[in-house]
Amino acid sequence: MSYDNLLRKQVVSEIKKKRLITFILIILSFIYLGINLLMGDAGFLKYRQLSAKKIYLANEIKEADKENARLRAQIKSLKENPFYAEKHAREDFGLARPDEYIFQYDR
């Protein structure tokens, strides 16, 4: 009878060991998945970084579009409006008509 009891204890002990190993493997798998979901190549941290970069680049594109529109308007004004072209030549290049004098002051 003691042999049966000893065998039963040994079987119960083996079952407990298997359950413990299974439980540890499941916990380690969840830890691995959690770390991978947070810090992996397609993880949450990478997603937030890419989202912030996307917003930054979208703002850069909007600013570049505004600058392009301003430059297009300036080009159109230079081509079509002779007064604007003369003003631009006077202010930016220091040009004058033949009968004019230009006074420049150091700032």
Protein backbone atom coordinates (compact mmCIF):
# COMPACT_ATOMS: atom_id res chain seq x y z
CA MET A 1 0.00 0.00 0.00
CA SER A 2 2.81 2.38 0.71
CA TYR A 3 4.18 1.65 -2.76
CA ASP A 4 0.85 2.80 -4.27
CA ASN A 5 0.88 5.87 -2.07
CA LEU A 6 4.45 6.68 -3.05
CA LEU A 7 3.61 6.18 -6.72
CA ARG A 8 0.55 8.43 -6.37
CA LYS A 9 2.68 11.17 -4.76
CA GLN A 10 5.23 10.87 -7.52
CA VAL A 11 2.51 11.15 -10.20
CA VAL A 12 0.96 14.17 -8.44
CA SER A 13 4.41 15.75 -8.17
CA GLU A 14 5.05 15.21 -11.89
CA ILE A 15 1.65 16.70 -12.76
CA LYS A 16 2.42 19.75 -10.59
CA LYS A 17 5.80 20.17 -12.29
CA LYS A 18 4.19 19.98 -15.75
CA ARG A 19 1.53 22.52 -14.73
CA LEU A 20 4.20 24.83 -13.30
CA ILE A 21 6.28 24.59 -16.47
CA THR A 22 3.19 25.21 -18.61
CA PHE A 23 2.20 28.18 -16.45
CA ILE A 24 5.73 29.66 -16.63
CA LEU A 25 5.79 29.21 -20.43
CA ILE A 26 2.42 30.95 -20.75
CA ILE A 27 3.57 33.84 -18.52
CA LEU A 28 6.82 34.17 -20.49
CA SER A 29 4.86 34.14 -23.76
CA PHE A 30 2.61 36.94 -22.50
CA ILE A 31 5.65 38.94 -21.36
CA TYR A 32 7.28 38.46 -24.77
CA LEU A 33 4.10 39.49 -26.59
CA GLY A 34 3.66 42.51 -24.33
CA ILE A 35 7.23 43.69 -24.89
CA ASN A 36 6.91 43.08 -28.61
CA LEU A 37 3.62 45.02 -28.77
CA LEU A 38 5.24 47.95 -26.95
CA MET A 39 8.74 48.08 -28.38
CA GLY A 40 8.75 45.96 -31.52
CA ASP A 41 9.13 47.13 -35.09
CA ALA A 42 5.36 47.47 -35.36
CA GLY A 43 4.86 48.26 -31.69
CA PHE A 44 2.98 51.01 -29.95
CA LEU A 45 6.04 53.20 -29.33
CA LYS A 46 7.06 53.01 -32.99
CA TYR A 47 3.46 53.80 -33.98
CA ARG A 48 3.44 56.93 -31.79
CA GLN A 49 6.81 58.02 -33.18
CA LEU A 50 5.61 57.57 -36.75
CA SER A 51 2.33 59.36 -36.01
CA ALA A 52 4.22 62.35 -34.61
CA LYS A 53 6.49 62.36 -37.65
CA LYS A 54 3.46 62.21 -39.95
CA ILE A 55 1.91 65.24 -38.24
CA TYR A 56 5.22 67.13 -38.44
CA LEU A 57 5.60 66.35 -42.15
CA ALA A 58 1.98 67.31 -42.86
CA ASN A 59 2.63 70.69 -41.23
CA GLU A 60 5.81 71.09 -43.27
CA ILE A 61 3.85 70.35 -46.46
CA LYS A 62 1.21 72.95 -45.53
CA GLU A 63 3.92 75.55 -44.90
CA ALA A 64 5.62 74.70 -48.21
CA ASP A 65 2.27 75.00 -50.03
CA LYS A 66 1.69 78.42 -48.47
CA GLU A 67 5.19 79.52 -49.48
CA ASN A 68 4.61 78.22 -53.03
CA ALA A 69 1.32 80.12 -53.28
CA ARG A 70 3.02 83.31 -52.08
CA LEU A 71 5.85 82.89 -54.59
CA ARG A 72 3.41 82.17 -57.43
CA ALA A 73 1.50 85.34 -56.57
CA GLN A 74 4.76 87.30 -56.52
CA ILE A 75 5.80 85.87 -59.88
CA LYS A 76 2.41 86.70 -61.35
CA SER A 77 2.67 90.26 -60.01
CA LEU A 78 6.18 90.66 -61.45
CA LYS A 79 5.04 89.43 -64.87
CA GLU A 80 1.78 91.37 -65.10
CA ASN A 81 2.24 94.55 -63.04
CA PRO A 82 5.00 96.91 -64.20
CA PHE A 83 4.64 99.05 -61.06
CA TYR A 84 5.39 96.02 -58.87
CA ALA A 85 8.37 95.05 -61.05
CA GLU A 86 9.77 98.59 -60.75
CA LYS A 87 9.22 98.60 -56.99
CA HIS A 88 10.99 95.24 -56.70
CA ALA A 89 13.93 96.45 -58.81
CA ARG A 90 14.27 99.60 -56.70
CA GLU A 91 14.02 97.95 -53.28
CA ASP A 92 15.86 94.69 -53.82
CA PHE A 93 18.51 95.66 -56.38
CA GLY A 94 18.95 99.37 -55.70
CA LEU A 95 18.20 100.33 -59.29
CA ALA A 96 16.99 103.81 -60.29
CA ARG A 97 15.88 105.74 -63.30
CA PRO A 98 18.52 107.78 -65.14
CA ASP A 99 17.43 111.08 -63.59
CA GLU A 100 17.19 109.82 -59.98
CA TYR A 101 19.67 109.69 -57.11
CA ILE A 102 19.72 106.94 -54.51
CA PHE A 103 20.63 107.66 -50.92
CA GLN A 104 21.54 104.60 -48.87
CA TYR A 105 22.02 104.68 -45.13
CA ASP A 106 23.91 102.11 -43.07
CA ARG A 107 21.78 100.44 -40.49
